[in-house]
Amino acid sequence: MVQLYIDGASGDPAKLEEAFHPDAHMFGHIGDEHDLGTRISDFIGMVGSGPSKAGPDYAAEVRTVDVTGDAGVAVLVEHDYLGCDFVDYFTVARIDGRWWITNKTYAHTGGSMPAH
């Protein structure tokens, strides 16, 4: 499911819809701008609204995965997404036999978004 996120965030909103539980939210910051609970459907809409937000040097690496029973957490390191670098923390859960990303919390670790 983290690979679905990587593929989806690079410009395929259908893969994001497959990866995230419909009630998922995301929290984090980019510079001084804090994201205090964006619905994942809004993020998916942003991804689908135009060209890929992944830059030409986009790379993503799963740092860790820790699962106990039907719950877990995965840590993803992203480079050159929206011109920035991030560390993403995904909580995951198996619900009715299917794994979902239920929350994304991210930290901006470098770079800056292009000016609009």
PDB file of N, CA and C in Angstrom:
ATOM      1  N   MET A   1       0.799  -1.181   0.000  1.00  0.00           N
ATOM      2  CA  MET A   1       0.000   0.000   0.000  1.00  0.00           C
ATOM      3  C   MET A   1       0.847   1.252   0.000  1.00  0.00           C
ATOM      4  N   VAL A   2       2.039   1.239   0.551  1.00  0.00           N
ATOM      5  CA  VAL A   2       2.927   2.400   0.459  1.00  0.00           C
ATOM      6  C   VAL A   2       3.374   2.602  -0.984  1.00  0.00           C
ATOM      7  N   GLN A   3       3.573   1.513  -1.716  1.00  0.00           N
ATOM      8  CA  GLN A   3       3.920   1.654  -3.137  1.00  0.00           C
ATOM      9  C   GLN A   3       2.762   2.288  -3.905  1.00  0.00           C
ATOM     10  N   LEU A   4       1.525   1.964  -3.541  1.00  0.00           N
ATOM     11  CA  LEU A   4       0.373   2.626  -4.163  1.00  0.00           C
ATOM     12  C   LEU A   4       0.419   4.125  -3.907  1.00  0.00           C
ATOM     13  N   TYR A   5       0.809   4.520  -2.683  1.00  0.00           N
ATOM     14  CA  TYR A   5       0.946   5.943  -2.377  1.00  0.00           C
ATOM     15  C   TYR A   5       2.015   6.573  -3.279  1.00  0.00           C
ATOM     16  N   ILE A   6       3.171   5.940  -3.394  1.00  0.00           N
ATOM     17  CA  ILE A   6       4.266   6.480  -4.212  1.00  0.00           C
ATOM     18  C   ILE A   6       3.792   6.647  -5.656  1.00  0.00           C
ATOM     19  N   ASP A   7       3.186   5.623  -6.203  1.00  0.00           N
ATOM     20  CA  ASP A   7       2.698   5.693  -7.585  1.00  0.00           C
ATOM     21  C   ASP A   7       1.598   6.737  -7.723  1.00  0.00           C
ATOM     22  N   GLY A   8       0.719   6.789  -6.764  1.00  0.00           N
ATOM     23  CA  GLY A   8      -0.395   7.728  -6.826  1.00  0.00           C
ATOM     24  C   GLY A   8       0.032   9.170  -6.652  1.00  0.00           C
ATOM     25  N   ALA A   9       0.909   9.417  -5.694  1.00  0.00           N
ATOM     26  CA  ALA A   9       1.361  10.789  -5.441  1.00  0.00           C
ATOM     27  C   ALA A   9       2.118  11.341  -6.639  1.00  0.00           C
ATOM     28  N   SER A  10       2.656  10.457  -7.451  1.00  0.00           N
ATOM     29  CA  SER A  10       3.376  10.884  -8.653  1.00  0.00           C
ATOM     30  C   SER A  10       2.422  11.234  -9.792  1.00  0.00           C
ATOM     31  N   GLY A  11       1.112  11.191  -9.557  1.00  0.00           N
ATOM     32  CA  GLY A  11       0.175  11.648 -10.562  1.00  0.00           C
ATOM     33  C   GLY A  11      -0.977  10.726 -10.882  1.00  0.00           C
ATOM     34  N   ASP A  12      -1.210   9.690 -10.068  1.00  0.00           N
ATOM     35  CA  ASP A  12      -2.296   8.758 -10.350  1.00  0.00           C
ATOM     36  C   ASP A  12      -3.268   8.731  -9.163  1.00  0.00           C
ATOM     37  N   PRO A  13      -4.266   9.632  -9.168  1.00  0.00           N
ATOM     38  CA  PRO A  13      -5.169   9.698  -8.014  1.00  0.00           C
ATOM     39  C   PRO A  13      -5.934   8.405  -7.743  1.00  0.00           C
ATOM     40  N   ALA A  14      -6.179   7.585  -8.759  1.00  0.00           N
ATOM     41  CA  ALA A  14      -6.883   6.321  -8.535  1.00  0.00           C
ATOM     42  C   ALA A  14      -6.083   5.411  -7.610  1.00  0.00           C
ATOM     43  N   LYS A  15      -4.765   5.445  -7.713  1.00  0.00           N
ATOM     44  CA  LYS A  15      -3.940   4.621  -6.821  1.00  0.00           C
ATOM     45  C   LYS A  15      -3.981   5.160  -5.395  1.00  0.00           C
ATOM     46  N   LEU A  16      -4.063   6.485  -5.250  1.00  0.00           N
ATOM     47  CA  LEU A  16      -4.199   7.055  -3.908  1.00  0.00           C
ATOM     48  C   LEU A  16      -5.527   6.629  -3.285  1.00  0.00           C
ATOM     49  N   GLU A  17      -6.591   6.638  -4.077  1.00  0.00           N
ATOM     50  CA  GLU A  17      -7.893   6.202  -3.567  1.00  0.00           C
ATOM     51  C   GLU A  17      -7.862   4.741  -3.142  1.00  0.00           C
ATOM     52  N   GLU A  18      -7.042   3.960  -3.812  1.00  0.00           N
ATOM     53  CA  GLU A  18      -6.900   2.549  -3.444  1.00  0.00           C
ATOM     54  C   GLU A  18      -6.084   2.377  -2.168  1.00  0.00           C
ATOM     55  N   ALA A  19      -5.122   3.277  -1.937  1.00  0.00           N
ATOM     56  CA  ALA A  19      -4.222   3.159  -0.791  1.00  0.00           C
ATOM     57  C   ALA A  19      -4.828   3.680   0.505  1.00  0.00           C
ATOM     58  N   PHE A  20      -5.559   4.806   0.434  1.00  0.00           N
ATOM     59  CA  PHE A  20      -6.045   5.484   1.632  1.00  0.00           C
ATOM     60  C   PHE A  20      -7.472   5.086   1.977  1.00  0.00           C
ATOM     61  N   HIS A  21      -7.708   4.905   3.254  1.00  0.00           N
ATOM     62  CA  HIS A  21      -9.073   4.747   3.737  1.00  0.00           C
ATOM     63  C   HIS A  21      -9.817   6.049   3.432  1.00  0.00           C
ATOM     64  N   PRO A  22     -11.084   5.992   3.040  1.00  0.00           N
ATOM     65  CA  PRO A  22     -11.811   7.219   2.681  1.00  0.00           C
ATOM     66  C   PRO A  22     -11.884   8.257   3.794  1.00  0.00           C
ATOM     67  N   ASP A  23     -11.774   7.843   5.046  1.00  0.00           N
ATOM     68  CA  ASP A  23     -11.833   8.779   6.169  1.00  0.00           C
ATOM     69  C   ASP A  23     -10.458   9.248   6.635  1.00  0.00           C
ATOM     70  N   ALA A  24      -9.400   8.918   5.896  1.00  0.00           N
ATOM     71  CA  ALA A  24      -8.042   9.290   6.292  1.00  0.00           C
ATOM     72  C   ALA A  24      -7.851  10.807   6.239  1.00  0.00           C
ATOM     73  N   HIS A  25      -6.913  11.266   7.049  1.00  0.00           N
ATOM     74  CA  HIS A  25      -6.506  12.675   7.074  1.00  0.00           C
ATOM     75  C   HIS A  25      -4.984  12.742   7.011  1.00  0.00           C
ATOM     76  N   MET A  26      -4.479  13.945   6.772  1.00  0.00           N
ATOM     77  CA  MET A  26      -3.033  14.136   6.846  1.00  0.00           C
ATOM     78  C   MET A  26      -2.734  15.421   7.600  1.00  0.00           C
ATOM     79  N   PHE A  27      -1.607  15.375   8.296  1.00  0.00           N
ATOM     80  CA  PHE A  27      -1.157  16.471   9.145  1.00  0.00           C
ATOM     81  C   PHE A  27       0.323  16.695   8.882  1.00  0.00           C
ATOM     82  N   GLY A  28       0.786  17.907   9.039  1.00  0.00           N
ATOM     83  CA  GLY A  28       2.206  18.180   8.901  1.00  0.00           C
ATOM     84  C   GLY A  28       2.472  19.640   8.661  1.00  0.00           C
ATOM     85  N   HIS A  29       3.634  19.920   8.066  1.00  0.00           N
ATOM     86  CA  HIS A  29       3.990  21.306   7.767  1.00  0.00           C
ATOM     87  C   HIS A  29       4.919  21.360   6.558  1.00  0.00           C
ATOM     88  N   ILE A  30       4.856  22.487   5.876  1.00  0.00           N
ATOM     89  CA  ILE A  30       5.841  22.829   4.851  1.00  0.00           C
ATOM     90  C   ILE A  30       6.317  24.227   5.219  1.00  0.00           C
ATOM     91  N   GLY A  31       7.558  24.335   5.646  1.00  0.00           N
ATOM     92  CA  GLY A  31       8.045  25.616   6.161  1.00  0.00           C
ATOM     93  C   GLY A  31       7.225  26.013   7.375  1.00  0.00           C
ATOM     94  N   ASP A  32       6.700  27.238   7.351  1.00  0.00           N
ATOM     95  CA  ASP A  32       5.893  27.735   8.465  1.00  0.00           C
ATOM     96  C   ASP A  32       4.404  27.453   8.304  1.00  0.00           C
ATOM     97  N   GLU A  33       4.015  26.831   7.189  1.00  0.00           N
ATOM     98  CA  GLU A  33       2.605  26.536   6.933  1.00  0.00           C
ATOM     99  C   GLU A  33       2.256  25.164   7.501  1.00  0.00           C
ATOM    100  N   HIS A  34       1.322  25.141   8.437  1.00  0.00           N
ATOM    101  CA  HIS A  34       0.929  23.883   9.070  1.00  0.00           C
ATOM    102  C   HIS A  34      -0.372  23.363   8.478  1.00  0.00           C
ATOM    103  N   ASP A  35      -0.408  22.088   8.233  1.00  0.00           N
ATOM    104  CA  ASP A  35      -1.575  21.385   7.730  1.00  0.00           C
ATOM    105  C   ASP A  35      -2.209  20.719   8.948  1.00  0.00           C
ATOM    106  N   LEU A  36      -3.349  21.227   9.344  1.00  0.00           N
ATOM    107  CA  LEU A  36      -3.948  20.780  10.597  1.00  0.00           C
ATOM    108  C   LEU A  36      -5.085  19.787  10.394  1.00  0.00           C
ATOM    109  N   GLY A  37      -4.949  18.944   9.403  1.00  0.00           N
ATOM    110  CA  GLY A  37      -5.937  17.886   9.248  1.00  0.00           C
ATOM    111  C   GLY A  37      -6.671  17.914   7.930  1.00  0.00           C
ATOM    112  N   THR A  38      -5.948  17.930   6.845  1.00  0.00           N
ATOM    113  CA  THR A  38      -6.557  17.889   5.525  1.00  0.00           C
ATOM    114  C   THR A  38      -7.190  16.529   5.290  1.00  0.00           C
ATOM    115  N   ARG A  39      -8.434  16.522   4.815  1.00  0.00           N
ATOM    116  CA  ARG A  39      -9.041  15.249   4.420  1.00  0.00           C
ATOM    117  C   ARG A  39      -8.257  14.686   3.247  1.00  0.00           C
ATOM    118  N   ILE A  40      -8.060  13.391   3.238  1.00  0.00           N
ATOM    119  CA  ILE A  40      -7.257  12.782   2.182  1.00  0.00           C
ATOM    120  C   ILE A  40      -7.912  12.997   0.822  1.00  0.00           C
ATOM    121  N   SER A  41      -9.223  13.112   0.775  1.00  0.00           N
ATOM    122  CA  SER A  41      -9.894  13.362  -0.504  1.00  0.00           C
ATOM    123  C   SER A  41      -9.461  14.702  -1.095  1.00  0.00           C
ATOM    124  N   ASP A  42      -9.162  15.695  -0.243  1.00  0.00           N
ATOM    125  CA  ASP A  42      -8.664  16.984  -0.746  1.00  0.00           C
ATOM    126  C   ASP A  42      -7.265  16.839  -1.332  1.00  0.00           C
ATOM    127  N   PHE A  43      -6.418  16.043  -0.677  1.00  0.00           N
ATOM    128  CA  PHE A  43      -5.076  15.776  -1.214  1.00  0.00           C
ATOM    129  C   PHE A  43      -5.184  15.050  -2.559  1.00  0.00           C
ATOM    130  N   ILE A  44      -6.056  14.061  -2.629  1.00  0.00           N
ATOM    131  CA  ILE A  44      -6.228  13.312  -3.876  1.00  0.00           C
ATOM    132  C   ILE A  44      -6.710  14.254  -4.984  1.00  0.00           C
ATOM    133  N   GLY A  45      -7.600  15.174  -4.655  1.00  0.00           N
ATOM    134  CA  GLY A  45      -8.059  16.156  -5.619  1.00  0.00           C
ATOM    135  C   GLY A  45      -6.941  17.049  -6.115  1.00  0.00           C
ATOM    136  N   MET A  46      -6.035  17.467  -5.211  1.00  0.00           N
ATOM    137  CA  MET A  46      -4.891  18.286  -5.601  1.00  0.00           C
ATOM    138  C   MET A  46      -3.988  17.515  -6.554  1.00  0.00           C
ATOM    139  N   VAL A  47      -3.737  16.248  -6.254  1.00  0.00           N
ATOM    140  CA  VAL A  47      -2.887  15.424  -7.110  1.00  0.00           C
ATOM    141  C   VAL A  47      -3.506  15.292  -8.497  1.00  0.00           C
ATOM    142  N   GLY A  48      -4.818  15.143  -8.561  1.00  0.00           N
ATOM    143  CA  GLY A  48      -5.491  14.960  -9.841  1.00  0.00           C
ATOM    144  C   GLY A  48      -5.761  16.241 -10.608  1.00  0.00           C
ATOM    145  N   SER A  49      -5.452  17.390  -9.998  1.00  0.00           N
ATOM    146  CA  SER A  49      -5.818  18.672 -10.604  1.00  0.00           C
ATOM    147  C   SER A  49      -4.878  19.154 -11.696  1.00  0.00           C
ATOM    148  N   GLY A  50      -3.769  18.507 -11.887  1.00  0.00           N
ATOM    149  CA  GLY A  50      -2.838  18.998 -12.899  1.00  0.00           C
ATOM    150  C   GLY A  50      -1.674  18.070 -13.067  1.00  0.00           C
ATOM    151  N   PRO A  51      -0.579  18.618 -13.569  1.00  0.00           N
ATOM    152  CA  PRO A  51       0.586  17.762 -13.791  1.00  0.00           C
ATOM    153  C   PRO A  51       1.124  17.191 -12.479  1.00  0.00           C
ATOM    154  N   SER A  52       1.908  16.151 -12.603  1.00  0.00           N
ATOM    155  CA  SER A  52       2.490  15.487 -11.435  1.00  0.00           C
ATOM    156  C   SER A  52       3.192  16.486 -10.531  1.00  0.00           C
ATOM    157  N   LYS A  53       3.009  16.315  -9.234  1.00  0.00           N
ATOM    158  CA  LYS A  53       3.674  17.167  -8.244  1.00  0.00           C
ATOM    159  C   LYS A  53       5.074  16.657  -7.926  1.00  0.00           C
ATOM    160  N   ALA A  54       5.397  15.471  -8.447  1.00  0.00           N
ATOM    161  CA  ALA A  54       6.738  14.916  -8.266  1.00  0.00           C
ATOM    162  C   ALA A  54       7.691  15.610  -9.221  1.00  0.00           C
ATOM    163  N   GLY A  55       8.840  16.039  -8.696  1.00  0.00           N
ATOM    164  CA  GLY A  55       9.833  16.705  -9.527  1.00  0.00           C
ATOM    165  C   GLY A  55      10.634  15.714 -10.361  1.00  0.00           C
ATOM    166  N   PRO A  56      11.519  16.234 -11.189  1.00  0.00           N
ATOM    167  CA  PRO A  56      12.299  15.363 -12.078  1.00  0.00           C
ATOM    168  C   PRO A  56      13.256  14.432 -11.330  1.00  0.00           C
ATOM    169  N   ASP A  57      13.598  14.794 -10.102  1.00  0.00           N
ATOM    170  CA  ASP A  57      14.499  13.962  -9.303  1.00  0.00           C
ATOM    171  C   ASP A  57      13.753  13.224  -8.201  1.00  0.00           C
ATOM    172  N   TYR A  58      12.426  13.068  -8.366  1.00  0.00           N
ATOM    173  CA  TYR A  58      11.633  12.425  -7.324  1.00  0.00           C
ATOM    174  C   TYR A  58      12.158  11.030  -7.020  1.00  0.00           C
ATOM    175  N   ALA A  59      12.298  10.771  -5.735  1.00  0.00           N
ATOM    176  CA  ALA A  59      12.681   9.442  -5.258  1.00  0.00           C
ATOM    177  C   ALA A  59      11.980   9.219  -3.924  1.00  0.00           C
ATOM    178  N   ALA A  60      11.609   7.989  -3.665  1.00  0.00           N
ATOM    179  CA  ALA A  60      10.959   7.636  -2.409  1.00  0.00           C
ATOM    180  C   ALA A  60      11.521   6.307  -1.933  1.00  0.00           C
ATOM    181  N   GLU A  61      11.797   6.247  -0.656  1.00  0.00           N
ATOM    182  CA  GLU A  61      12.365   5.031  -0.072  1.00  0.00           C
ATOM    183  C   GLU A  61      11.641   4.705   1.229  1.00  0.00           C
ATOM    184  N   VAL A  62      11.166   3.489   1.342  1.00  0.00           N
ATOM    185  CA  VAL A  62      10.559   3.042   2.592  1.00  0.00           C
ATOM    186  C   VAL A  62      11.691   2.814   3.589  1.00  0.00           C
ATOM    187  N   ARG A  63      11.660   3.563   4.681  1.00  0.00           N
ATOM    188  CA  ARG A  63      12.699   3.446   5.710  1.00  0.00           C
ATOM    189  C   ARG A  63      12.403   2.292   6.657  1.00  0.00           C
ATOM    190  N   THR A  64      11.156   2.219   7.141  1.00  0.00           N
ATOM    191  CA  THR A  64      10.794   1.147   8.070  1.00  0.00           C
ATOM    192  C   THR A  64       9.318   0.799   7.916  1.00  0.00           C
ATOM    193  N   VAL A  65       8.998  -0.424   8.307  1.00  0.00           N
ATOM    194  CA  VAL A  65       7.614  -0.885   8.427  1.00  0.00           C
ATOM    195  C   VAL A  65       7.553  -1.697   9.704  1.00  0.00           C
ATOM    196  N   ASP A  66       6.561  -1.417  10.539  1.00  0.00           N
ATOM    197  CA  ASP A  66       6.379  -2.151  11.784  1.00  0.00           C
ATOM    198  C   ASP A  66       4.896  -2.501  11.901  1.00  0.00           C
ATOM    199  N   VAL A  67       4.597  -3.791  11.937  1.00  0.00           N
ATOM    200  CA  VAL A  67       3.214  -4.254  11.972  1.00  0.00           C
ATOM    201  C   VAL A  67       3.035  -5.205  13.151  1.00  0.00           C
ATOM    202  N   THR A  68       1.951  -5.011  13.876  1.00  0.00           N
ATOM    203  CA  THR A  68       1.535  -5.919  14.932  1.00  0.00           C
ATOM    204  C   THR A  68       0.062  -6.215  14.718  1.00  0.00           C
ATOM    205  N   GLY A  69      -0.255  -7.468  14.453  1.00  0.00           N
ATOM    206  CA  GLY A  69      -1.656  -7.824  14.228  1.00  0.00           C
ATOM    207  C   GLY A  69      -2.233  -7.063  13.048  1.00  0.00           C
ATOM    208  N   ASP A  70      -3.281  -6.305  13.306  1.00  0.00           N
ATOM    209  CA  ASP A  70      -3.980  -5.561  12.261  1.00  0.00           C
ATOM    210  C   ASP A  70      -3.622  -4.072  12.242  1.00  0.00           C
ATOM    211  N   ALA A  71      -2.514  -3.686  12.871  1.00  0.00           N
ATOM    212  CA  ALA A  71      -2.121  -2.278  12.923  1.00  0.00           C
ATOM    213  C   ALA A  71      -0.634  -2.148  12.630  1.00  0.00           C
ATOM    214  N   GLY A  72      -0.268  -0.986  12.099  1.00  0.00           N
ATOM    215  CA  GLY A  72       1.141  -0.779  11.832  1.00  0.00           C
ATOM    216  C   GLY A  72       1.458   0.653  11.479  1.00  0.00           C
ATOM    217  N   VAL A  73       2.733   0.865  11.226  1.00  0.00           N
ATOM    218  CA  VAL A  73       3.236   2.169  10.815  1.00  0.00           C
ATOM    219  C   VAL A  73       4.337   1.950   9.785  1.00  0.00           C
ATOM    220  N   ALA A  74       4.365   2.817   8.783  1.00  0.00           N
ATOM    221  CA  ALA A  74       5.421   2.787   7.771  1.00  0.00           C
ATOM    222  C   ALA A  74       6.009   4.183   7.682  1.00  0.00           C
ATOM    223  N   VAL A  75       7.323   4.253   7.488  1.00  0.00           N
ATOM    224  CA  VAL A  75       8.018   5.528   7.348  1.00  0.00           C
ATOM    225  C   VAL A  75       8.597   5.591   5.943  1.00  0.00           C
ATOM    226  N   LEU A  76       8.275   6.674   5.240  1.00  0.00           N
ATOM    227  CA  LEU A  76       8.704   6.874   3.852  1.00  0.00           C
ATOM    228  C   LEU A  76       9.503   8.161   3.763  1.00  0.00           C
ATOM    229  N   VAL A  77      10.656   8.120   3.104  1.00  0.00           N
ATOM    230  CA  VAL A  77      11.474   9.308   2.860  1.00  0.00           C
ATOM    231  C   VAL A  77      11.292   9.685   1.396  1.00  0.00           C
ATOM    232  N   GLU A  78      10.828  10.923   1.161  1.00  0.00           N
ATOM    233  CA  GLU A  78      10.603  11.416  -0.199  1.00  0.00           C
ATOM    234  C   GLU A  78      11.559  12.561  -0.508  1.00  0.00           C
ATOM    235  N   HIS A  79      12.057  12.570  -1.723  1.00  0.00           N
ATOM    236  CA  HIS A  79      12.931  13.638  -2.211  1.00  0.00           C
ATOM    237  C   HIS A  79      12.301  14.248  -3.461  1.00  0.00           C
ATOM    238  N   ASP A  80      12.231  15.568  -3.523  1.00  0.00           N
ATOM    239  CA  ASP A  80      11.763  16.329  -4.691  1.00  0.00           C
ATOM    240  C   ASP A  80      10.289  16.095  -5.000  1.00  0.00           C
ATOM    241  N   TYR A  81       9.448  16.268  -3.978  1.00  0.00           N
ATOM    242  CA  TYR A  81       8.001  16.279  -4.190  1.00  0.00           C
ATOM    243  C   TYR A  81       7.535  17.687  -3.872  1.00  0.00           C
ATOM    244  N   LEU A  82       6.889  18.347  -4.816  1.00  0.00           N
ATOM    245  CA  LEU A  82       6.536  19.762  -4.688  1.00  0.00           C
ATOM    246  C   LEU A  82       7.791  20.611  -4.457  1.00  0.00           C
ATOM    247  N   GLY A  83       8.933  20.142  -4.941  1.00  0.00           N
ATOM    248  CA  GLY A  83      10.188  20.860  -4.753  1.00  0.00           C
ATOM    249  C   GLY A  83      10.796  20.684  -3.376  1.00  0.00           C
ATOM    250  N   CYS A  84      10.212  19.821  -2.574  1.00  0.00           N
ATOM    251  CA  CYS A  84      10.637  19.652  -1.183  1.00  0.00           C
ATOM    252  C   CYS A  84      10.997  18.203  -0.888  1.00  0.00           C
ATOM    253  N   ASP A  85      11.632  18.020   0.250  1.00  0.00           N
ATOM    254  CA  ASP A  85      11.910  16.694   0.791  1.00  0.00           C
ATOM    255  C   ASP A  85      11.041  16.504   2.031  1.00  0.00           C
ATOM    256  N   PHE A  86      10.577  15.270   2.226  1.00  0.00           N
ATOM    257  CA  PHE A  86       9.681  14.965   3.344  1.00  0.00           C
ATOM    258  C   PHE A  86      10.036  13.626   3.961  1.00  0.00           C
ATOM    259  N   VAL A  87       9.670  13.477   5.220  1.00  0.00           N
ATOM    260  CA  VAL A  87       9.572  12.173   5.856  1.00  0.00           C
ATOM    261  C   VAL A  87       8.103  12.012   6.211  1.00  0.00           C
ATOM    262  N   ASP A  88       7.496  10.938   5.706  1.00  0.00           N
ATOM    263  CA  ASP A  88       6.082  10.656   5.908  1.00  0.00           C
ATOM    264  C   ASP A  88       5.930   9.489   6.870  1.00  0.00           C
ATOM    265  N   TYR A  89       5.003   9.646   7.803  1.00  0.00           N
ATOM    266  CA  TYR A  89       4.650   8.587   8.742  1.00  0.00           C
ATOM    267  C   TYR A  89       3.217   8.169   8.430  1.00  0.00           C
ATOM    268  N   PHE A  90       3.044   6.929   7.999  1.00  0.00           N
ATOM    269  CA  PHE A  90       1.729   6.405   7.668  1.00  0.00           C
ATOM    270  C   PHE A  90       1.293   5.435   8.744  1.00  0.00           C
ATOM    271  N   THR A  91       0.107   5.645   9.316  1.00  0.00           N
ATOM    272  CA  THR A  91      -0.472   4.593  10.134  1.00  0.00           C
ATOM    273  C   THR A  91      -1.338   3.761   9.202  1.00  0.00           C
ATOM    274  N   VAL A  92      -1.300   2.468   9.419  1.00  0.00           N
ATOM    275  CA  VAL A  92      -2.022   1.532   8.561  1.00  0.00           C
ATOM    276  C   VAL A  92      -2.853   0.601   9.429  1.00  0.00           C
ATOM    277  N   ALA A  93      -3.938   0.125   8.838  1.00  0.00           N
ATOM    278  CA  ALA A  93      -4.802  -0.802   9.570  1.00  0.00           C
ATOM    279  C   ALA A  93      -5.437  -1.777   8.585  1.00  0.00           C
ATOM    280  N   ARG A  94      -5.592  -3.015   9.059  1.00  0.00           N
ATOM    281  CA  ARG A  94      -6.333  -4.006   8.287  1.00  0.00           C
ATOM    282  C   ARG A  94      -7.778  -3.948   8.783  1.00  0.00           C
ATOM    283  N   ILE A  95      -8.662  -3.554   7.872  1.00  0.00           N
ATOM    284  CA  ILE A  95     -10.077  -3.395   8.188  1.00  0.00           C
ATOM    285  C   ILE A  95     -10.849  -4.332   7.272  1.00  0.00           C
ATOM    286  N   ASP A  96     -11.589  -5.254   7.875  1.00  0.00           N
ATOM    287  CA  ASP A  96     -12.349  -6.251   7.101  1.00  0.00           C
ATOM    288  C   ASP A  96     -11.456  -6.984   6.098  1.00  0.00           C
ATOM    289  N   GLY A  97     -10.232  -7.311   6.544  1.00  0.00           N
ATOM    290  CA  GLY A  97      -9.315  -8.088   5.725  1.00  0.00           C
ATOM    291  C   GLY A  97      -8.520  -7.297   4.701  1.00  0.00           C
ATOM    292  N   ARG A  98      -8.703  -5.983   4.643  1.00  0.00           N
ATOM    293  CA  ARG A  98      -8.008  -5.154   3.646  1.00  0.00           C
ATOM    294  C   ARG A  98      -7.142  -4.110   4.351  1.00  0.00           C
ATOM    295  N   TRP A  99      -5.907  -3.956   3.875  1.00  0.00           N
ATOM    296  CA  TRP A  99      -5.003  -2.967   4.443  1.00  0.00           C
ATOM    297  C   TRP A  99      -5.259  -1.598   3.834  1.00  0.00           C
ATOM    298  N   TRP A 100      -5.291  -0.584   4.705  1.00  0.00           N
ATOM    299  CA  TRP A 100      -5.491   0.810   4.307  1.00  0.00           C
ATOM    300  C   TRP A 100      -4.449   1.694   4.996  1.00  0.00           C
ATOM    301  N   ILE A 101      -4.082   2.781   4.352  1.00  0.00           N
ATOM    302  CA  ILE A 101      -3.406   3.874   5.053  1.00  0.00           C
ATOM    303  C   ILE A 101      -4.522   4.682   5.706  1.00  0.00           C
ATOM    304  N   THR A 102      -4.458   4.828   7.025  1.00  0.00           N
ATOM    305  CA  THR A 102      -5.522   5.517   7.752  1.00  0.00           C
ATOM    306  C   THR A 102      -5.147   6.935   8.156  1.00  0.00           C
ATOM    307  N   ASN A 103      -3.853   7.272   8.069  1.00  0.00           N
ATOM    308  CA  ASN A 103      -3.401   8.613   8.438  1.00  0.00           C
ATOM    309  C   ASN A 103      -2.014   8.833   7.851  1.00  0.00           C
ATOM    310  N   LYS A 104      -1.754  10.062   7.439  1.00  0.00           N
ATOM    311  CA  LYS A 104      -0.417  10.467   6.992  1.00  0.00           C
ATOM    312  C   LYS A 104      -0.012  11.689   7.803  1.00  0.00           C
ATOM    313  N   THR A 105       1.129  11.600   8.480  1.00  0.00           N
ATOM    314  CA  THR A 105       1.717  12.743   9.160  1.00  0.00           C
ATOM    315  C   THR A 105       3.092  12.940   8.547  1.00  0.00           C
ATOM    316  N   TYR A 106       3.383  14.171   8.146  1.00  0.00           N
ATOM    317  CA  TYR A 106       4.613  14.398   7.403  1.00  0.00           C
ATOM    318  C   TYR A 106       5.417  15.550   7.989  1.00  0.00           C
ATOM    319  N   ALA A 107       6.719  15.477   7.759  1.00  0.00           N
ATOM    320  CA  ALA A 107       7.643  16.532   8.164  1.00  0.00           C
ATOM    321  C   ALA A 107       8.396  17.013   6.934  1.00  0.00           C
ATOM    322  N   HIS A 108       8.460  18.304   6.759  1.00  0.00           N
ATOM    323  CA  HIS A 108       9.219  18.936   5.683  1.00  0.00           C
ATOM    324  C   HIS A 108      10.675  18.978   6.126  1.00  0.00           C
ATOM    325  N   THR A 109      11.541  18.340   5.369  1.00  0.00           N
ATOM    326  CA  THR A 109      12.945  18.234   5.793  1.00  0.00           C
ATOM    327  C   THR A 109      13.915  18.995   4.895  1.00  0.00           C
ATOM    328  N   GLY A 110      13.420  19.632   3.828  1.00  0.00           N
ATOM    329  CA  GLY A 110      14.313  20.414   2.971  1.00  0.00           C
ATOM    330  C   GLY A 110      13.618  20.888   1.715  1.00  0.00           C
ATOM    331  N   GLY A 111      14.272  21.825   1.035  1.00  0.00           N
ATOM    332  CA  GLY A 111      13.743  22.364  -0.206  1.00  0.00           C
ATOM    333  C   GLY A 111      12.624  23.348   0.041  1.00  0.00           C
ATOM    334  N   SER A 112      12.119  23.924  -1.045  1.00  0.00           N
ATOM    335  CA  SER A 112      11.013  24.873  -0.924  1.00  0.00           C
ATOM    336  C   SER A 112      10.085  24.731  -2.125  1.00  0.00           C
ATOM    337  N   MET A 113       8.819  24.977  -1.858  1.00  0.00           N
ATOM    338  CA  MET A 113       7.823  24.872  -2.912  1.00  0.00           C
ATOM    339  C   MET A 113       8.048  25.975  -3.937  1.00  0.00           C
ATOM    340  N   PRO A 114       7.779  25.670  -5.213  1.00  0.00           N
ATOM    341  CA  PRO A 114       7.890  26.736  -6.215  1.00  0.00           C
ATOM    342  C   PRO A 114       6.877  27.838  -5.959  1.00  0.00           C
ATOM    343  N   ALA A 115       7.217  29.066  -6.345  1.00  0.00           N
ATOM    344  CA  ALA A 115       6.302  30.185  -6.195  1.00  0.00           C
ATOM    345  C   ALA A 115       5.115  29.990  -7.126  1.00  0.00           C
ATOM    346  N   HIS A 116       3.940  30.369  -6.675  1.00  0.00           N
ATOM    347  CA  HIS A 116       2.728  30.224  -7.504  1.00  0.00           C
ATOM    348  C   HIS A 116       2.564  31.410  -8.392  1.00  0.00           C
TER     349      HIS A 116
END
